[in-house]
Structures are given as structure tokens and as C-alpha cells.
């Protein structure tokens, strides 16, 4: 560049495609199915701080989620929520 500036130049790019609204993390992961998926989705929503995902996952899968079950690192959902 002739002016020797390091400022970035604008580049013409095609317009971005619209992005569809994603389902809350808890719902999306629980919908994937499989044993343990609701519990994993619940814990992921807790770690992400996704209150809506936590509530929707809990309401849909309360019987499949053990709040006292410890993860690989000896955490319960409550200790994860307090940490994250």
C-alpha cells in the first residue's frame, strides 16, 4: 500500500445469510436422544448459564435427571452452577 498504514481495508463481501433462531441448548441436546442425553443437556445448560435451557430441560425431563449424580470431576449440577 502506498500510504504504509496498517489499518485494515474494507473488503466487499456477499451479504450474510439470515440465521435461524437456535433452540435453547437444553432442548437441542435433549432432542438428540440417547440414554443420558437429558442429563448432559441439563448440565451443559447449567455450565452455559442458560437459565431458560435449564428450566425447559428440567420441565421436560425431570424424571431422567439425577441432581445428586456426580460428573467425571466429582461435580453435581449445583456445584457447577455455583462455579460457573
N, C-alpha and C. Protein backbone atom coordinates (compact mmCIF):
# COMPACT_ATOMS: atom_id res chain seq x y z
N UNK A 1 0.85 -1.18 0.00
CA UNK A 1 0.00 0.00 0.00
C UNK A 1 0.88 1.23 0.00
N UNK A 2 0.43 2.21 -0.72
CA UNK A 2 1.24 3.41 -0.90
C UNK A 2 1.34 4.24 0.38
N UNK A 3 0.32 4.22 1.23
CA UNK A 3 0.37 5.08 2.42
C UNK A 3 1.06 4.39 3.61
N UNK A 4 1.45 3.15 3.48
CA UNK A 4 2.14 2.38 4.52
C UNK A 4 1.36 2.28 5.83
N UNK A 5 0.06 2.44 5.78
CA UNK A 5 -0.73 2.31 7.01
C UNK A 5 -1.03 0.82 7.26
N UNK A 6 -1.23 0.52 8.51
CA UNK A 6 -1.52 -0.87 8.87
C UNK A 6 -3.01 -1.07 9.14
N UNK A 7 -3.80 -0.03 8.91
CA UNK A 7 -5.23 -0.14 9.15
C UNK A 7 -5.84 -1.11 8.14
N UNK A 8 -6.75 -1.95 8.58
CA UNK A 8 -7.39 -2.90 7.65
C UNK A 8 -8.27 -2.16 6.65
N UNK A 9 -8.36 -2.70 5.46
CA UNK A 9 -9.21 -2.13 4.43
C UNK A 9 -10.52 -2.89 4.37
N UNK A 10 -11.58 -2.17 4.03
CA UNK A 10 -12.89 -2.82 3.88
C UNK A 10 -12.85 -3.67 2.61
N UNK A 11 -13.41 -4.83 2.71
CA UNK A 11 -13.46 -5.75 1.57
C UNK A 11 -14.92 -6.02 1.25
N UNK A 12 -15.24 -5.96 -0.01
CA UNK A 12 -16.61 -6.26 -0.40
C UNK A 12 -16.86 -7.74 -0.20
N UNK A 13 -17.88 -8.03 0.55
CA UNK A 13 -18.25 -9.43 0.81
C UNK A 13 -19.73 -9.59 0.51
N UNK A 14 -20.12 -10.79 0.13
CA UNK A 14 -21.54 -11.01 -0.11
C UNK A 14 -22.31 -10.89 1.21
N UNK A 15 -23.56 -10.49 1.15
CA UNK A 15 -24.34 -10.36 2.38
C UNK A 15 -24.47 -11.71 3.07
N UNK A 16 -24.46 -11.67 4.37
CA UNK A 16 -24.57 -12.90 5.15
C UNK A 16 -25.98 -13.45 5.06
N UNK A 17 -26.08 -14.76 5.06
CA UNK A 17 -27.39 -15.40 5.03
C UNK A 17 -28.04 -15.26 6.40
N UNK A 18 -29.34 -15.09 6.45
CA UNK A 18 -30.00 -14.98 7.75
C UNK A 18 -29.84 -16.28 8.53
N UNK A 19 -29.68 -16.13 9.83
CA UNK A 19 -29.50 -17.29 10.70
C UNK A 19 -30.80 -17.56 11.42
N UNK A 20 -31.24 -18.81 11.37
CA UNK A 20 -32.47 -19.18 12.07
C UNK A 20 -32.23 -19.18 13.57
N UNK A 21 -33.24 -18.87 14.32
CA UNK A 21 -33.12 -18.86 15.78
C UNK A 21 -32.85 -20.28 16.26
N UNK A 22 -31.85 -20.41 17.08
CA UNK A 22 -31.49 -21.73 17.61
C UNK A 22 -32.35 -22.06 18.82
N UNK A 23 -32.60 -23.35 19.00
CA UNK A 23 -33.32 -23.80 20.19
C UNK A 23 -32.39 -23.65 21.38
N UNK A 24 -32.94 -23.46 22.57
CA UNK A 24 -32.09 -23.41 23.76
C UNK A 24 -31.22 -24.66 23.85
N UNK A 25 -30.05 -24.52 24.42
CA UNK A 25 -29.09 -25.63 24.47
C UNK A 25 -29.69 -26.87 25.10
N UNK A 26 -30.45 -26.72 26.14
CA UNK A 26 -31.03 -27.87 26.82
C UNK A 26 -31.97 -28.64 25.93
N UNK A 27 -32.80 -27.94 25.18
CA UNK A 27 -33.75 -28.60 24.30
C UNK A 27 -33.06 -29.28 23.13
N UNK A 28 -32.08 -28.60 22.55
CA UNK A 28 -31.40 -29.14 21.37
C UNK A 28 -30.65 -30.42 21.71
N UNK A 29 -29.91 -30.42 22.80
CA UNK A 29 -29.14 -31.61 23.15
C UNK A 29 -30.04 -32.74 23.62
N UNK A 30 -31.09 -32.42 24.35
CA UNK A 30 -32.00 -33.46 24.83
C UNK A 30 -32.76 -34.08 23.67
N UNK A 31 -33.04 -33.28 22.65
CA UNK A 31 -33.76 -33.78 21.49
C UNK A 31 -32.92 -34.76 20.68
N UNK A 32 -31.60 -34.72 20.86
CA UNK A 32 -30.72 -35.63 20.12
C UNK A 32 -30.98 -37.07 20.52
N UNK A 33 -31.52 -37.30 21.71
CA UNK A 33 -31.88 -38.64 22.15
C UNK A 33 -30.71 -39.40 22.74
N UNK A 34 -31.00 -40.62 23.12
CA UNK A 34 -29.96 -41.46 23.70
C UNK A 34 -29.98 -41.42 25.21
N UNK A 35 -29.51 -42.48 25.84
CA UNK A 35 -29.50 -42.51 27.30
C UNK A 35 -28.54 -41.47 27.85
N UNK A 36 -28.97 -40.77 28.86
CA UNK A 36 -28.13 -39.77 29.49
C UNK A 36 -28.13 -38.42 28.81
N UNK A 37 -28.76 -38.31 27.65
CA UNK A 37 -28.75 -37.03 26.93
C UNK A 37 -29.47 -35.92 27.69
N UNK A 38 -30.64 -36.17 28.31
CA UNK A 38 -31.27 -35.08 29.07
C UNK A 38 -30.37 -34.58 30.20
N UNK A 39 -29.69 -35.49 30.88
CA UNK A 39 -28.80 -35.08 31.98
C UNK A 39 -27.63 -34.28 31.44
N UNK A 40 -27.07 -34.69 30.31
CA UNK A 40 -25.96 -33.95 29.70
C UNK A 40 -26.42 -32.57 29.25
N UNK A 41 -27.61 -32.52 28.65
CA UNK A 41 -28.15 -31.24 28.19
C UNK A 41 -28.40 -30.31 29.37
N UNK A 42 -28.92 -30.88 30.46
CA UNK A 42 -29.18 -30.09 31.66
C UNK A 42 -27.88 -29.52 32.21
N UNK A 43 -26.86 -30.35 32.32
CA UNK A 43 -25.57 -29.90 32.85
C UNK A 43 -24.92 -28.88 31.92
N UNK A 44 -25.04 -29.07 30.61
CA UNK A 44 -24.48 -28.11 29.65
C UNK A 44 -25.18 -26.76 29.80
N UNK A 45 -26.50 -26.77 29.97
CA UNK A 45 -27.23 -25.51 30.16
C UNK A 45 -26.80 -24.83 31.46
N UNK A 46 -26.58 -25.63 32.51
CA UNK A 46 -26.10 -25.07 33.78
C UNK A 46 -24.74 -24.42 33.58
N UNK A 47 -23.83 -25.12 32.92
CA UNK A 47 -22.48 -24.58 32.70
C UNK A 47 -22.50 -23.34 31.82
N UNK A 48 -23.42 -23.29 30.87
CA UNK A 48 -23.51 -22.14 29.97
C UNK A 48 -24.24 -20.96 30.60
N UNK A 49 -24.84 -21.18 31.76
CA UNK A 49 -25.60 -20.11 32.40
C UNK A 49 -26.91 -19.84 31.68
N UNK A 50 -27.43 -20.84 30.98
CA UNK A 50 -28.64 -20.71 30.18
C UNK A 50 -29.85 -21.08 31.05
N UNK A 51 -30.39 -20.11 31.76
CA UNK A 51 -31.50 -20.38 32.68
C UNK A 51 -32.71 -20.92 31.94
N UNK A 52 -33.02 -20.37 30.77
CA UNK A 52 -34.16 -20.87 30.00
C UNK A 52 -33.94 -22.33 29.61
N UNK A 53 -32.72 -22.68 29.22
CA UNK A 53 -32.41 -24.06 28.86
C UNK A 53 -32.49 -24.99 30.06
N UNK A 54 -32.03 -24.52 31.21
CA UNK A 54 -32.11 -25.32 32.44
C UNK A 54 -33.56 -25.61 32.77
N UNK A 55 -34.38 -24.55 32.76
CA UNK A 55 -35.79 -24.73 33.12
C UNK A 55 -36.53 -25.61 32.13
N UNK A 56 -36.31 -25.40 30.84
CA UNK A 56 -37.03 -26.21 29.84
C UNK A 56 -36.58 -27.66 29.89
N UNK A 57 -35.31 -27.89 30.09
CA UNK A 57 -34.80 -29.26 30.17
C UNK A 57 -35.35 -29.94 31.43
N UNK A 58 -35.36 -29.21 32.54
CA UNK A 58 -35.86 -29.78 33.79
C UNK A 58 -37.35 -30.11 33.67
N UNK A 59 -38.13 -29.19 33.10
CA UNK A 59 -39.57 -29.42 32.96
C UNK A 59 -39.87 -30.60 32.05
N UNK A 60 -39.07 -30.79 31.01
CA UNK A 60 -39.31 -31.86 30.05
C UNK A 60 -38.76 -33.21 30.50
N UNK A 61 -37.70 -33.20 31.31
CA UNK A 61 -37.01 -34.46 31.60
C UNK A 61 -36.66 -34.62 33.08
N UNK A 62 -37.49 -34.12 33.98
CA UNK A 62 -37.17 -34.15 35.40
C UNK A 62 -36.92 -35.58 35.91
N UNK A 63 -37.66 -36.55 35.40
CA UNK A 63 -37.51 -37.93 35.87
C UNK A 63 -36.17 -38.53 35.45
N UNK A 64 -35.59 -38.04 34.36
CA UNK A 64 -34.34 -38.61 33.84
C UNK A 64 -33.10 -37.91 34.37
N UNK A 65 -33.28 -36.83 35.15
CA UNK A 65 -32.14 -36.05 35.62
C UNK A 65 -31.95 -36.28 37.11
N UNK A 66 -30.79 -36.81 37.47
CA UNK A 66 -30.46 -37.05 38.88
C UNK A 66 -29.59 -35.89 39.37
N UNK A 67 -30.15 -35.06 40.24
CA UNK A 67 -29.43 -33.88 40.72
C UNK A 67 -28.26 -34.23 41.63
N UNK A 68 -28.23 -35.46 42.14
CA UNK A 68 -27.14 -35.87 43.04
C UNK A 68 -26.03 -36.62 42.30
N UNK A 69 -26.24 -36.92 41.02
CA UNK A 69 -25.23 -37.66 40.26
C UNK A 69 -24.01 -36.78 40.06
N UNK A 70 -22.85 -37.35 40.30
CA UNK A 70 -21.61 -36.60 40.16
C UNK A 70 -20.99 -36.87 38.79
N UNK A 71 -20.42 -35.83 38.24
CA UNK A 71 -19.78 -35.94 36.93
C UNK A 71 -18.39 -36.53 37.07
N UNK A 72 -17.69 -36.60 35.97
CA UNK A 72 -16.34 -37.14 35.95
C UNK A 72 -15.42 -36.39 36.92
N UNK A 73 -15.67 -35.11 37.13
CA UNK A 73 -14.82 -34.30 38.00
C UNK A 73 -15.42 -34.15 39.39
N UNK A 74 -16.38 -35.02 39.74
CA UNK A 74 -16.99 -35.06 41.06
C UNK A 74 -17.86 -33.84 41.34
N UNK A 75 -18.48 -33.30 40.28
CA UNK A 75 -19.37 -32.14 40.42
C UNK A 75 -20.82 -32.58 40.28
N UNK A 76 -21.71 -31.93 41.01
CA UNK A 76 -23.14 -32.06 40.80
C UNK A 76 -23.59 -30.83 40.02
N UNK A 77 -24.81 -30.83 39.47
CA UNK A 77 -25.29 -29.63 38.79
C UNK A 77 -25.25 -28.39 39.69
N UNK A 78 -25.51 -28.55 40.99
CA UNK A 78 -25.48 -27.41 41.89
C UNK A 78 -24.07 -26.85 42.04
N UNK A 79 -23.06 -27.72 42.18
CA UNK A 79 -21.70 -27.20 42.30
C UNK A 79 -21.25 -26.55 40.99
N UNK A 80 -21.70 -27.07 39.87
CA UNK A 80 -21.38 -26.45 38.57
C UNK A 80 -22.02 -25.07 38.47
N UNK A 81 -23.28 -24.97 38.90
CA UNK A 81 -23.97 -23.68 38.83
C UNK A 81 -23.26 -22.65 39.71
N UNK A 82 -22.80 -23.09 40.87
CA UNK A 82 -22.11 -22.17 41.77
C UNK A 82 -20.76 -21.76 41.20
N UNK A 83 -20.08 -22.68 40.52
CA UNK A 83 -18.76 -22.41 39.97
C UNK A 83 -18.85 -21.53 38.73
N UNK A 84 -19.75 -21.89 37.82
CA UNK A 84 -19.85 -21.15 36.57
C UNK A 84 -20.71 -19.93 36.77
